C-alpha atoms as a PDB file:
ATOM      1  CA  MET A   1      -7.298 -70.357  -1.971  1.00  0.00           C
ATOM      2  CA  SER A   2     -10.424 -69.121  -3.438  1.00  0.00           C
ATOM      3  CA  GLU A   3     -10.633 -66.346  -6.042  1.00  0.00           C
ATOM      4  CA  PRO A   4     -12.260 -62.970  -4.718  1.00  0.00           C
ATOM      5  CA  GLU A   5     -15.404 -62.165  -6.074  1.00  0.00           C
ATOM      6  CA  PRO A   6     -15.717 -59.489  -8.777  1.00  0.00           C
ATOM      7  CA  GLY A   7     -15.613 -55.887  -7.219  1.00  0.00           C
ATOM      8  CA  GLN A   8     -13.566 -57.191  -4.164  1.00  0.00           C
ATOM      9  CA  VAL A   9      -9.853 -56.939  -3.292  1.00  0.00           C
ATOM     10  CA  SER A  10      -8.196 -60.099  -2.097  1.00  0.00           C
ATOM     11  CA  ARG A  11      -6.745 -60.240   1.313  1.00  0.00           C
ATOM     12  CA  GLU A  12      -3.332 -60.936  -0.070  1.00  0.00           C
ATOM     13  CA  THR A  13      -3.527 -57.720  -2.138  1.00  0.00           C
ATOM     14  CA  LEU A  14      -4.472 -55.781   1.050  1.00  0.00           C
ATOM     15  CA  LEU A  15      -1.507 -57.130   2.818  1.00  0.00           C
ATOM     16  CA  GLU A  16       1.056 -56.467  -0.032  1.00  0.00           C
ATOM     17  CA  SER A  17      -0.545 -52.891  -0.469  1.00  0.00           C
ATOM     18  CA  PRO A  18      -1.710 -51.781   2.911  1.00  0.00           C
ATOM     19  CA  ASP A  19      -2.270 -48.126   1.432  1.00  0.00           C
ATOM     20  CA  VAL A  20      -5.112 -49.289  -1.047  1.00  0.00           C
ATOM     21  CA  VAL A  21      -8.434 -48.799   0.478  1.00  0.00           C
ATOM     22  CA  GLY A  22     -11.104 -49.010  -2.202  1.00  0.00           C
ATOM     23  CA  ASP A  23      -9.644 -47.121  -5.231  1.00  0.00           C
ATOM     24  CA  VAL A  24      -8.200 -44.231  -3.161  1.00  0.00           C
ATOM     25  CA  SER A  25      -4.527 -44.657  -1.362  1.00  0.00           C
ATOM     26  CA  ARG A  26      -4.093 -43.809   2.182  1.00  0.00           C
ATOM     27  CA  GLU A  27      -1.096 -41.707   1.216  1.00  0.00           C
ATOM     28  CA  THR A  28      -3.384 -39.580  -1.062  1.00  0.00           C
ATOM     29  CA  SER A  29      -5.668 -39.030   1.739  1.00  0.00           C
ATOM     30  CA  ASP A  30      -2.991 -38.115   3.963  1.00  0.00           C
ATOM     31  CA  GLN A  31      -1.834 -35.414   1.370  1.00  0.00           C
ATOM     32  CA  ASP A  32      -5.322 -34.091   0.830  1.00  0.00           C
ATOM     33  CA  ARG A  33      -5.568 -33.600   4.636  1.00  0.00           C
ATOM     34  CA  ALA A  34      -2.273 -32.031   4.846  1.00  0.00           C
ATOM     35  CA  TYR A  35      -3.035 -29.403   2.502  1.00  0.00           C
ATOM     36  CA  ASP A  36      -6.263 -28.686   4.616  1.00  0.00           C
ATOM     37  CA  THR A  37      -4.478 -27.202   7.403  1.00  0.00           C
ATOM     38  CA  PRO A  38      -4.191 -23.318   8.085  1.00  0.00           C
ATOM     39  CA  ILE A  39      -0.343 -23.357   7.623  1.00  0.00           C
ATOM     40  CA  ALA A  40      -0.503 -25.073   4.327  1.00  0.00           C
ATOM     41  CA  ARG A  41      -3.052 -22.836   2.875  1.00  0.00           C
ATOM     42  CA  GLU A  42      -0.967 -19.913   3.807  1.00  0.00           C
ATOM     43  CA  ALA A  43       2.074 -21.410   2.416  1.00  0.00           C
ATOM     44  CA  ALA A  44       0.141 -22.270  -0.796  1.00  0.00           C
ATOM     45  CA  GLN A  45      -1.175 -18.597  -0.878  1.00  0.00           C
ATOM     46  CA  ALA A  46       2.493 -17.322  -0.521  1.00  0.00           C
ATOM     47  CA  VAL A  47       3.472 -19.475  -3.432  1.00  0.00           C
ATOM     48  CA  HIS A  48       0.645 -17.972  -5.606  1.00  0.00           C
ATOM     49  CA  VAL A  49       1.768 -14.556  -4.638  1.00  0.00           C
ATOM     50  CA  MET A  50       5.197 -15.197  -5.562  1.00  0.00           C
ATOM     51  CA  ASN A  51       4.083 -16.407  -9.051  1.00  0.00           C
ATOM     52  CA  VAL A  52       1.796 -13.360  -9.419  1.00  0.00           C
ATOM     53  CA  ARG A  53       4.849 -11.054  -8.785  1.00  0.00           C
ATOM     54  CA  GLN A  54       6.221 -12.351 -12.214  1.00  0.00           C
ATOM     55  CA  GLU A  55       3.530 -10.362 -13.946  1.00  0.00           C
ATOM     56  CA  GLN A  56       4.229  -6.823 -15.225  1.00  0.00           C
ATOM     57  CA  TRP A  57       1.579  -4.512 -14.258  1.00  0.00           C
ATOM     58  CA  PRO A  58       0.507  -1.666 -16.528  1.00  0.00           C
ATOM     59  CA  ARG A  59       2.282   1.723 -16.358  1.00  0.00           C
ATOM     60  CA  PRO A  60       0.197   4.874 -16.571  1.00  0.00           C
ATOM     61  CA  ALA A  61       0.526   7.413 -19.294  1.00  0.00           C
ATOM     62  CA  ALA A  62       2.182   9.961 -17.087  1.00  0.00           C
ATOM     63  CA  THR A  63       3.447   9.945 -13.703  1.00  0.00           C
ATOM     64  CA  ARG A  64       0.946   9.773 -11.141  1.00  0.00           C
ATOM     65  CA  VAL A  65       1.692  11.946  -7.913  1.00  0.00           C
ATOM     66  CA  VAL A  66      -0.645  10.494  -5.078  1.00  0.00           C
ATOM     67  CA  THR A  67      -0.810  12.126  -1.686  1.00  0.00           C
ATOM     68  CA  VAL A  68      -2.096   9.699   1.121  1.00  0.00           C
ATOM     69  CA  ALA A  69      -3.785  11.791   3.498  1.00  0.00           C
ATOM     70  CA  ASN A  70      -6.366  11.683   6.465  1.00  0.00           C
ATOM     71  CA  GLN A  71      -5.801  13.809   9.193  1.00  0.00           C
ATOM     72  CA  LYS A  72      -6.939  11.355  11.830  1.00  0.00           C
ATOM     73  CA  GLY A  73      -4.237   9.143  13.172  1.00  0.00           C
ATOM     74  CA  GLY A  74      -4.073   5.287  12.978  1.00  0.00           C
ATOM     75  CA  VAL A  75      -5.940   4.817   9.934  1.00  0.00           C
ATOM     76  CA  GLY A  76      -3.319   3.047   8.023  1.00  0.00           C
ATOM     77  CA  LYS A  77      -1.908   6.035   6.002  1.00  0.00           C
ATOM     78  CA  THR A  78       1.826   5.023   6.161  1.00  0.00           C
ATOM     79  CA  THR A  79       0.722   1.276   5.956  1.00  0.00           C
ATOM     80  CA  THR A  80      -1.088   1.765   2.978  1.00  0.00           C
ATOM     81  CA  THR A  81       1.707   4.015   1.269  1.00  0.00           C
ATOM     82  CA  VAL A  82       4.502   1.444   1.920  1.00  0.00           C
ATOM     83  CA  ASN A  83       2.556  -1.625   1.034  1.00  0.00           C
ATOM     84  CA  ILE A  84       0.846  -0.214  -2.039  1.00  0.00           C
ATOM     85  CA  ALA A  85       4.275   1.143  -3.109  1.00  0.00           C
ATOM     86  CA  ALA A  86       6.042  -2.121  -2.543  1.00  0.00           C
ATOM     87  CA  ALA A  87       3.517  -4.255  -4.340  1.00  0.00           C
ATOM     88  CA  MET A  88       3.698  -1.985  -7.478  1.00  0.00           C
ATOM     89  CA  ALA A  89       7.588  -1.994  -7.152  1.00  0.00           C
ATOM     90  CA  LEU A  90       7.605  -5.834  -7.175  1.00  0.00           C
ATOM     91  CA  HIS A  91       5.612  -5.857 -10.391  1.00  0.00           C
ATOM     92  CA  GLY A  92       8.170  -3.808 -12.219  1.00  0.00           C
ATOM     93  CA  LEU A  93       6.806  -0.216 -11.774  1.00  0.00           C
ATOM     94  CA  ARG A  94       9.198   2.696 -10.965  1.00  0.00           C
ATOM     95  CA  ILE A  95       7.897   4.183  -7.410  1.00  0.00           C
ATOM     96  CA  VAL A  96       9.177   7.156  -5.277  1.00  0.00           C
ATOM     97  CA  VAL A  97       7.785   7.464  -1.875  1.00  0.00           C
ATOM     98  CA  ILE A  98       8.397  10.909  -0.175  1.00  0.00           C
ATOM     99  CA  ASP A  99       8.032  10.487   3.683  1.00  0.00           C
ATOM    100  CA  LEU A 100       6.589  13.696   5.158  1.00  0.00           C
ATOM    101  CA  ASP A 101       5.895  12.318   8.504  1.00  0.00           C
ATOM    102  CA  PRO A 102       8.378  13.438  11.272  1.00  0.00           C
ATOM    103  CA  GLN A 103       8.084  10.030  12.846  1.00  0.00           C
ATOM    104  CA  GLY A 104       9.536   8.380   9.864  1.00  0.00           C
ATOM    105  CA  ASN A 105       7.490   5.183   9.993  1.00  0.00           C
ATOM    106  CA  ALA A 106       7.478   4.907   6.051  1.00  0.00           C
ATOM    107  CA  SER A 107      11.345   5.123   5.933  1.00  0.00           C
ATOM    108  CA  THR A 108      11.431   2.303   8.769  1.00  0.00           C
ATOM    109  CA  ALA A 109       9.175   0.014   6.807  1.00  0.00           C
ATOM    110  CA  LEU A 110      11.171   0.295   3.675  1.00  0.00           C
ATOM    111  CA  GLY A 111      14.505  -0.326   5.404  1.00  0.00           C
ATOM    112  CA  ILE A 112      15.716   3.249   4.575  1.00  0.00           C
ATOM    113  CA  ALA A 113      18.077   4.836   7.292  1.00  0.00           C
ATOM    114  CA  HIS A 114      16.602   7.991   8.779  1.00  0.00           C
ATOM    115  CA  GLY A 115      18.830   8.780  11.618  1.00  0.00           C
ATOM    116  CA  VAL A 116      19.894  12.283  12.730  1.00  0.00           C
ATOM    117  CA  GLY A 117      22.027  13.881  10.063  1.00  0.00           C
ATOM    118  CA  THR A 118      20.717  11.766   7.213  1.00  0.00           C
ATOM    119  CA  PRO A 119      19.847  13.804   4.024  1.00  0.00           C
ATOM    120  CA  SER A 120      16.181  14.068   4.203  1.00  0.00           C
ATOM    121  CA  VAL A 121      12.981  15.780   3.145  1.00  0.00           C
ATOM    122  CA  TYR A 122      13.603  18.538   5.566  1.00  0.00           C
ATOM    123  CA  ASP A 123      16.633  19.508   3.454  1.00  0.00           C
ATOM    124  CA  LEU A 124      14.375  19.696   0.365  1.00  0.00           C
ATOM    125  CA  LEU A 125      11.793  21.811   2.136  1.00  0.00           C
ATOM    126  CA  LEU A 126      14.206  24.172   3.906  1.00  0.00           C
ATOM    127  CA  ASN A 127      17.410  24.186   2.123  1.00  0.00           C
ATOM    128  CA  GLY A 128      16.127  23.643  -1.355  1.00  0.00           C
ATOM    129  CA  ARG A 129      18.221  20.456  -2.016  1.00  0.00           C
ATOM    130  CA  PRO A 130      16.936  18.537  -5.298  1.00  0.00           C
ATOM    131  CA  LEU A 131      14.739  15.702  -4.665  1.00  0.00           C
ATOM    132  CA  HIS A 132      16.998  13.159  -6.762  1.00  0.00           C
ATOM    133  CA  GLU A 133      19.792  13.857  -4.391  1.00  0.00           C
ATOM    134  CA  LEU A 134      17.794  12.682  -1.526  1.00  0.00           C
ATOM    135  CA  CYS A 135      16.379   9.389  -2.798  1.00  0.00           C
ATOM    136  CA  SER A 136      17.529   6.010  -1.230  1.00  0.00           C
ATOM    137  CA  ILE A 137      16.977   2.571  -2.952  1.00  0.00           C
ATOM    138  CA  ALA A 138      15.080  -0.096  -1.161  1.00  0.00           C
ATOM    139  CA  GLU A 139      16.989  -3.271  -0.900  1.00  0.00           C
ATOM    140  CA  PHE A 140      14.110  -5.693  -1.701  1.00  0.00           C
ATOM    141  CA  ALA A 141      13.027  -3.757  -4.719  1.00  0.00           C
ATOM    142  CA  PRO A 142      15.502  -1.860  -7.054  1.00  0.00           C
ATOM    143  CA  THR A 143      12.742   0.250  -8.717  1.00  0.00           C
ATOM    144  CA  LEU A 144      11.449   1.577  -5.189  1.00  0.00           C
ATOM    145  CA  GLN A 145      13.160   4.708  -3.971  1.00  0.00           C
ATOM    146  CA  CYS A 146      12.460   6.625  -0.649  1.00  0.00           C
ATOM    147  CA  VAL A 147      13.151  10.236   0.366  1.00  0.00           C
ATOM    148  CA  PRO A 148      13.374   9.683   4.226  1.00  0.00           C
ATOM    149  CA  ALA A 149      12.227  11.774   7.052  1.00  0.00           C
ATOM    150  CA  THR A 150      14.110  12.626  10.106  1.00  0.00           C
ATOM    151  CA  LEU A 151      13.376  13.988  13.434  1.00  0.00           C
ATOM    152  CA  ASP A 152      14.313  17.521  11.902  1.00  0.00           C
ATOM    153  CA  LEU A 153      11.032  17.576  10.266  1.00  0.00           C
ATOM    154  CA  ALA A 154       9.210  17.930  13.468  1.00  0.00           C
ATOM    155  CA  GLY A 155       9.657  21.670  13.647  1.00  0.00           C
ATOM    156  CA  ALA A 156       9.412  22.106   9.949  1.00  0.00           C
ATOM    157  CA  ASP A 157       5.907  23.543  10.280  1.00  0.00           C
ATOM    158  CA  ILE A 158       7.218  26.320  12.472  1.00  0.00           C
ATOM    159  CA  GLU A 159      10.211  27.266  10.177  1.00  0.00           C
ATOM    160  CA  LEU A 160       8.185  27.113   6.954  1.00  0.00           C
ATOM    161  CA  THR A 161       5.881  29.598   8.451  1.00  0.00           C
ATOM    162  CA  SER A 162       8.375  32.469   7.697  1.00  0.00           C
ATOM    163  CA  GLN A 163       9.537  31.247   4.119  1.00  0.00           C
ATOM    164  CA  VAL A 164       8.325  32.627   0.844  1.00  0.00           C
ATOM    165  CA  ALA A 165       6.207  30.347  -1.259  1.00  0.00           C
ATOM    166  CA  ARG A 166       5.837  28.097   1.903  1.00  0.00           C
ATOM    167  CA  GLU A 167       3.147  25.956   0.343  1.00  0.00           C
ATOM    168  CA  HIS A 168       4.886  25.246  -2.898  1.00  0.00           C
ATOM    169  CA  ARG A 169       8.305  24.007  -1.732  1.00  0.00           C
ATOM    170  CA  LEU A 170       7.435  20.325  -2.456  1.00  0.00           C
ATOM    171  CA  GLN A 171       5.679  21.083  -5.685  1.00  0.00           C
ATOM    172  CA  ARG A 172       8.544  22.800  -7.234  1.00  0.00           C
ATOM    173  CA  ALA A 173      10.862  19.919  -6.128  1.00  0.00           C
ATOM    174  CA  VAL A 174       8.644  17.244  -7.611  1.00  0.00           C
ATOM    175  CA  GLN A 175       8.063  19.287 -10.861  1.00  0.00           C
ATOM    176  CA  ASP A 176      11.879  19.470 -11.298  1.00  0.00           C
ATOM    177  CA  TYR A 177      12.306  15.916 -10.553  1.00  0.00           C
ATOM    178  CA  LEU A 178       9.713  14.804 -13.322  1.00  0.00           C
ATOM    179  CA  ARG A 179      11.700  16.830 -15.868  1.00  0.00           C
ATOM    180  CA  ARG A 180      14.614  14.451 -15.457  1.00  0.00           C
ATOM    181  CA  PRO A 181      15.065  11.318 -17.748  1.00  0.00           C
ATOM    182  CA  GLU A 182      13.023   8.416 -16.966  1.00  0.00           C
ATOM    183  CA  PRO A 183      10.489   9.851 -14.507  1.00  0.00           C
ATOM    184  CA  PRO A 184       8.941   7.359 -12.131  1.00  0.00           C
ATOM    185  CA  ASP A 185       5.417   5.766 -12.788  1.00  0.00           C
ATOM    186  CA  TYR A 186       4.133   6.660  -9.155  1.00  0.00           C
ATOM    187  CA  ILE A 187       5.226   9.218  -6.450  1.00  0.00           C
ATOM    188  CA  PHE A 188       3.467   8.423  -3.201  1.00  0.00           C
ATOM    189  CA  ILE A 189       3.516  11.195  -0.536  1.00  0.00           C
ATOM    190  CA  ASP A 190       3.039  10.091   2.960  1.00  0.00           C
ATOM    191  CA  CYS A 191       1.438  12.696   5.291  1.00  0.00           C
ATOM    192  CA  PRO A 192       1.577  13.231   8.958  1.00  0.00           C
ATOM    193  CA  PRO A 193      -1.784  12.860  10.962  1.00  0.00           C
ATOM    194  CA  SER A 194      -2.562  16.793  10.682  1.00  0.00           C
ATOM    195  CA  LEU A 195      -3.498  19.549   8.279  1.00  0.00           C
ATOM    196  CA  GLY A 196      -0.523  21.622   8.967  1.00  0.00           C
ATOM    197  CA  LEU A 197       1.772  23.083   6.368  1.00  0.00           C
ATOM    198  CA  LEU A 198       3.569  19.496   5.739  1.00  0.00           C
ATOM    199  CA  THR A 199       0.237  18.260   4.656  1.00  0.00           C
ATOM    200  CA  LEU A 200      -0.636  21.347   2.640  1.00  0.00           C
ATOM    201  CA  ASN A 201       2.781  20.996   0.639  1.00  0.00           C
ATOM    202  CA  ALA A 202       1.576  17.309  -0.092  1.00  0.00           C
ATOM    203  CA  LEU A 203      -1.550  18.448  -1.457  1.00  0.00           C
ATOM    204  CA  VAL A 204      -0.297  21.226  -3.593  1.00  0.00           C
ATOM    205  CA  ALA A 205       2.478  18.917  -5.095  1.00  0.00           C
ATOM    206  CA  ALA A 206       0.122  16.174  -6.012  1.00  0.00           C
ATOM    207  CA  ARG A 207      -2.555  15.593  -8.629  1.00  0.00           C
ATOM    208  CA  GLU A 208      -4.382  12.829  -6.607  1.00  0.00           C
ATOM    209  CA  VAL A 209      -5.560  12.054  -3.197  1.00  0.00           C
ATOM    210  CA  LEU A 210      -5.743   8.648  -1.745  1.00  0.00           C
ATOM    211  CA  ILE A 211      -7.784   8.479   1.516  1.00  0.00           C
ATOM    212  CA  PRO A 212      -7.513   5.397   3.683  1.00  0.00           C
ATOM    213  CA  ILE A 213     -10.534   5.071   5.916  1.00  0.00           C
ATOM    214  CA  GLN A 214     -10.480   2.775   8.930  1.00  0.00           C
ATOM    215  CA  CYS A 215     -13.984   0.944   9.336  1.00  0.00           C
ATOM    216  CA  GLU A 216     -14.914   2.295  12.515  1.00  0.00           C
ATOM    217  CA  TYR A 217     -17.146   5.198  13.299  1.00  0.00           C
ATOM    218  CA  TYR A 218     -14.659   7.716  14.517  1.00  0.00           C
ATOM    219  CA  ALA A 219     -12.834   7.475  11.262  1.00  0.00           C
ATOM    220  CA  LEU A 220     -15.855   9.114   9.714  1.00  0.00           C
ATOM    221  CA  GLU A 221     -15.536  11.908  11.908  1.00  0.00           C
ATOM    222  CA  GLY A 222     -13.242  14.602  10.499  1.00  0.00           C
ATOM    223  CA  LEU A 223     -13.454  13.382   6.938  1.00  0.00           C
ATOM    224  CA  ALA A 224     -15.451  16.316   5.920  1.00  0.00           C
ATOM    225  CA  GLN A 225     -12.647  18.722   7.183  1.00  0.00           C
ATOM    226  CA  LEU A 226     -10.233  16.840   4.934  1.00  0.00           C
ATOM    227  CA  LEU A 227     -12.499  17.163   2.017  1.00  0.00           C
ATOM    228  CA  ASN A 228     -13.055  21.004   2.583  1.00  0.00           C
ATOM    229  CA  THR A 229      -9.338  21.259   2.703  1.00  0.00           C
ATOM    230  CA  VAL A 230      -8.776  19.509  -0.699  1.00  0.00           C
ATOM    231  CA  ASP A 231     -11.464  21.675  -1.962  1.00  0.00           C
ATOM    232  CA  LEU A 232      -9.774  24.837  -0.731  1.00  0.00           C
ATOM    233  CA  VAL A 233      -6.439  23.695  -1.868  1.00  0.00           C
ATOM    234  CA  LYS A 234      -8.024  22.947  -5.415  1.00  0.00           C
ATOM    235  CA  SER A 235      -9.734  26.262  -5.572  1.00  0.00           C
ATOM    236  CA  HIS A 236      -6.585  28.474  -4.583  1.00  0.00           C
ATOM    237  CA  LEU A 237      -3.257  26.574  -4.909  1.00  0.00           C
ATOM    238  CA  ASN A 238      -3.597  23.490  -7.040  1.00  0.00           C
ATOM    239  CA  PRO A 239      -6.591  23.158  -9.534  1.00  0.00           C
ATOM    240  CA  GLU A 240      -5.307  19.786 -10.717  1.00  0.00           C
ATOM    241  CA  LEU A 241      -5.737  18.182  -7.263  1.00  0.00           C
ATOM    242  CA  THR A 242      -8.680  15.592  -7.189  1.00  0.00           C
ATOM    243  CA  VAL A 243      -9.702  12.713  -4.672  1.00  0.00           C
ATOM    244  CA  THR A 244      -9.196   9.617  -7.110  1.00  0.00           C
ATOM    245  CA  THR A 245      -9.022   6.677  -4.463  1.00  0.00           C
ATOM    246  CA  VAL A 246     -10.599   5.692  -1.196  1.00  0.00           C
ATOM    247  CA  LEU A 247      -9.311   2.484   0.530  1.00  0.00           C
ATOM    248  CA  LEU A 248     -11.090   0.786   3.460  1.00  0.00           C
ATOM    249  CA  THR A 249      -8.480  -0.300   6.058  1.00  0.00           C
ATOM    250  CA  MET A 250      -8.697  -2.445   9.314  1.00  0.00           C
ATOM    251  CA  TYR A 251     -11.857  -4.213   8.236  1.00  0.00           C
ATOM    252  CA  ASP A 252     -13.157  -6.725  10.681  1.00  0.00           C
ATOM    253  CA  SER A 253     -15.665  -9.160   9.174  1.00  0.00           C
ATOM    254  CA  ARG A 254     -16.809 -10.292  12.547  1.00  0.00           C
ATOM    255  CA  THR A 255     -18.447  -6.942  13.423  1.00  0.00           C
ATOM    256  CA  ARG A 256     -21.600  -5.407  11.855  1.00  0.00           C
ATOM    257  CA  LEU A 257     -20.165  -1.977  12.437  1.00  0.00           C
ATOM    258  CA  ALA A 258     -17.312  -2.638   9.900  1.00  0.00           C
ATOM    259  CA  ASP A 259     -19.919  -3.445   7.312  1.00  0.00           C
ATOM    260  CA  GLN A 260     -22.017  -0.441   8.074  1.00  0.00           C
ATOM    261  CA  VAL A 261     -18.896   2.037   7.661  1.00  0.00           C
ATOM    262  CA  ALA A 262     -17.953   0.272   4.686  1.00  0.00           C
ATOM    263  CA  SER A 263     -21.527   0.471   3.100  1.00  0.00           C
ATOM    264  CA  GLU A 264     -21.726   4.147   4.058  1.00  0.00           C
ATOM    265  CA  VAL A 265     -18.330   4.896   2.523  1.00  0.00           C
ATOM    266  CA  ARG A 266     -19.200   3.093  -0.841  1.00  0.00           C
ATOM    267  CA  ALA A 267     -22.425   4.861  -0.995  1.00  0.00           C
ATOM    268  CA  HIS A 268     -20.816   8.301  -0.505  1.00  0.00           C
ATOM    269  CA  PHE A 269     -17.760   7.948  -2.666  1.00  0.00           C
ATOM    270  CA  GLY A 270     -19.140   5.415  -5.280  1.00  0.00           C
ATOM    271  CA  GLU A 271     -16.551   4.179  -7.710  1.00  0.00           C
ATOM    272  CA  LEU A 272     -13.764   5.999  -6.062  1.00  0.00           C
ATOM    273  CA  VAL A 273     -13.569   3.148  -3.379  1.00  0.00           C
ATOM    274  CA  LEU A 274     -11.318   0.233  -4.343  1.00  0.00           C
ATOM    275  CA  GLU A 275     -13.081  -3.002  -4.284  1.00  0.00           C
ATOM    276  CA  PRO A 276     -10.490  -4.797  -2.088  1.00  0.00           C
ATOM    277  CA  VAL A 277     -10.705  -4.057   1.752  1.00  0.00           C
ATOM    278  CA  ILE A 278      -7.739  -4.389   4.033  1.00  0.00           C
ATOM    279  CA  PRO A 279      -8.436  -6.718   6.796  1.00  0.00           C
ATOM    280  CA  ARG A 280      -7.124  -6.345  10.589  1.00  0.00           C
ATOM    281  CA  ASN A 281      -4.084  -8.698  10.242  1.00  0.00           C
ATOM    282  CA  VAL A 282      -1.192  -9.052  12.905  1.00  0.00           C
ATOM    283  CA  ARG A 283       1.325  -9.523  10.111  1.00  0.00           C
ATOM    284  CA  VAL A 284       0.571  -5.977   8.829  1.00  0.00           C
ATOM    285  CA  SER A 285       1.501  -4.503  12.228  1.00  0.00           C
ATOM    286  CA  GLU A 286       4.644  -6.854  12.789  1.00  0.00           C
ATOM    287  CA  ALA A 287       6.203  -6.214   9.448  1.00  0.00           C
ATOM    288  CA  PRO A 288       7.537  -2.630  10.165  1.00  0.00           C
ATOM    289  CA  GLY A 289       9.413  -4.045  13.371  1.00  0.00           C
ATOM    290  CA  PHE A 290      11.689  -5.907  11.101  1.00  0.00           C
ATOM    291  CA  GLY A 291      12.006  -3.097   8.638  1.00  0.00           C
ATOM    292  CA  GLN A 292       9.755  -4.477   6.153  1.00  0.00           C
ATOM    293  CA  THR A 293       6.484  -4.201   4.429  1.00  0.00           C
ATOM    294  CA  VAL A 294       4.068  -7.092   4.705  1.00  0.00           C
ATOM    295  CA  MET A 295       4.618  -7.787   1.135  1.00  0.00           C
ATOM    296  CA  THR A 296       8.062  -9.039   1.845  1.00  0.00           C
ATOM    297  CA  TYR A 297       7.404 -10.053   5.501  1.00  0.00           C
ATOM    298  CA  ASP A 298       4.597 -12.499   4.947  1.00  0.00           C
ATOM    299  CA  ALA A 299       3.316 -12.557   1.513  1.00  0.00           C
ATOM    300  CA  GLY A 300       0.822 -15.243   2.155  1.00  0.00           C
ATOM    301  CA  SER A 301      -1.071 -13.194   4.927  1.00  0.00           C
ATOM    302  CA  ARG A 302      -4.451 -11.756   4.412  1.00  0.00           C
ATOM    303  CA  GLY A 303      -3.123  -8.251   4.921  1.00  0.00           C
ATOM    304  CA  ALA A 304      -0.535  -8.735   2.059  1.00  0.00           C
ATOM    305  CA  ILE A 305      -3.089 -10.294  -0.264  1.00  0.00           C
ATOM    306  CA  GLY A 306      -5.518  -7.344   0.450  1.00  0.00           C
ATOM    307  CA  TYR A 307      -2.908  -4.671  -0.271  1.00  0.00           C
ATOM    308  CA  LEU A 308      -1.791  -6.742  -3.420  1.00  0.00           C
ATOM    309  CA  GLN A 309      -5.249  -6.555  -4.734  1.00  0.00           C
ATOM    310  CA  ALA A 310      -5.753  -2.870  -3.997  1.00  0.00           C
ATOM    311  CA  ALA A 311      -2.431  -1.956  -5.588  1.00  0.00           C
ATOM    312  CA  ARG A 312      -3.250  -4.067  -8.724  1.00  0.00           C
ATOM    313  CA  GLU A 313      -6.771  -2.293  -9.049  1.00  0.00           C
ATOM    314  CA  MET A 314      -4.957   1.126  -8.680  1.00  0.00           C
ATOM    315  CA  ALA A 315      -2.621   0.141 -11.504  1.00  0.00           C
ATOM    316  CA  GLU A 316      -5.333  -1.042 -13.679  1.00  0.00           C
ATOM    317  CA  ARG A 317      -7.078   2.193 -13.051  1.00  0.00           C
ATOM    318  CA  GLY A 318      -4.002   4.140 -13.948  1.00  0.00           C
ATOM    319  CA  ARG A 319      -4.154   2.662 -17.358  1.00  0.00           C
ATOM    320  CA  THR A 320      -7.408   4.570 -18.251  1.00  0.00           C
ATOM    321  CA  MET A 321      -6.365   7.729 -16.691  1.00  0.00           C
ATOM    322  CA  GLN A 322      -5.640  10.986 -18.575  1.00  0.00           C
ATOM    323  CA  ALA A 323      -1.956  12.461 -18.220  1.00  0.00           C
ATOM    324  CA  GLY A 324      -3.538  15.132 -15.618  1.00  0.00           C
ATOM    325  CA  GLY A 325      -4.348  12.399 -13.267  1.00  0.00           C
ATOM    326  CA  SER A 326      -8.096  12.641 -13.458  1.00  0.00           C
ATOM    327  CA  GLY A 327     -10.369   9.755 -14.530  1.00  0.00           C
ATOM    328  CA  GLU A 328     -11.827   9.744 -18.016  1.00  0.00           C
END
C-alpha cells in the first residue's frame, strides 16, 4: 500500500476513525449544532442566571420604601413588584411586599395564602394590627416576606372614608415596622389600578414611586393624572415622596409603536427610566398560575432576564442614594 501524500489522511485512518474529517471531528460539530438550538440556548441562559444568583447585591444605606403605582390596569404593576422583589431576595436582600390590591395577585404569585379569614393588610388598615404580625415568608426565598391581601380589602376604600387619619394608616404601620431590629432593605407596595384611598395610603407611606409603563399608546394616557397626584401628595401629605424609577414593560420589538413609546418616555423622564426593558413573554404570564414568579418558574426566559437586569440596576442605584430615598 502506498504511503499517503503529505497533507492527506489515509483511507485506513478514515475507516478506523470515521469521525475525523480534516481537523474537526464529527462529534464536535454535532455538539456545536446542538448548542445552536433555541432550547439549548434557553438552558444555557438558565444556568447563567443560576450562577448569577450566587452574587450578593449591594444593600441601600437605609430601607427604600417603594410604591409601584399606575392607575391604568394591565401595565404590569403586580408582575413588576413580585419579580423585582423575587430577584432581589434571591441575591440576599431582605424584602417585604405589601399587597394592597384586593385581587391579591401579588400574594398568589409569591405563593402566599390569602383566603378569606387570613390575617391581611385589611387588619392593618382597619384594625391597627402591627405589620410584622401579618408577614408571611415565601417558600423559595427566606429573605422575602409578604403581607397578603384578601377580598375584605375590596370594601376598604369605603370603610376608610370615616376613619381618622385615613391617609396615614399604612404610613404609621411602616414607620413602626422600620423601628424594629434588622429592618428590611426594600419594602415594595403593590397598588390597585385606581387612585383611591388604598393607593393614597401607599403614596403617603412611601419615599419612592416606581411607575411601570406599558409600551403602547394608551399607557401614556392618564400618566399626567398620576404625576399630578404624586405632586399633591408631596405638597400636602408626604414631602419625601419622589418618582425615582420608571420601567418600560410589555415591549414588543416587532412594532414601531413600542420604539416610539419607549423613546418618548426616555425623553420625558430621562435617567429615571431603567435601561432594561421587559419584553412581552408568555412565561411571565404563565408563572402566577403555578403560584410562582417568573424568576423561579423559568429563569432562562426573556422575561426573567429582563426583570433580573432591571432589579440589578435598581439595586445598584440604591447604593448611591441618600437615606431619604432621593438620588444624590
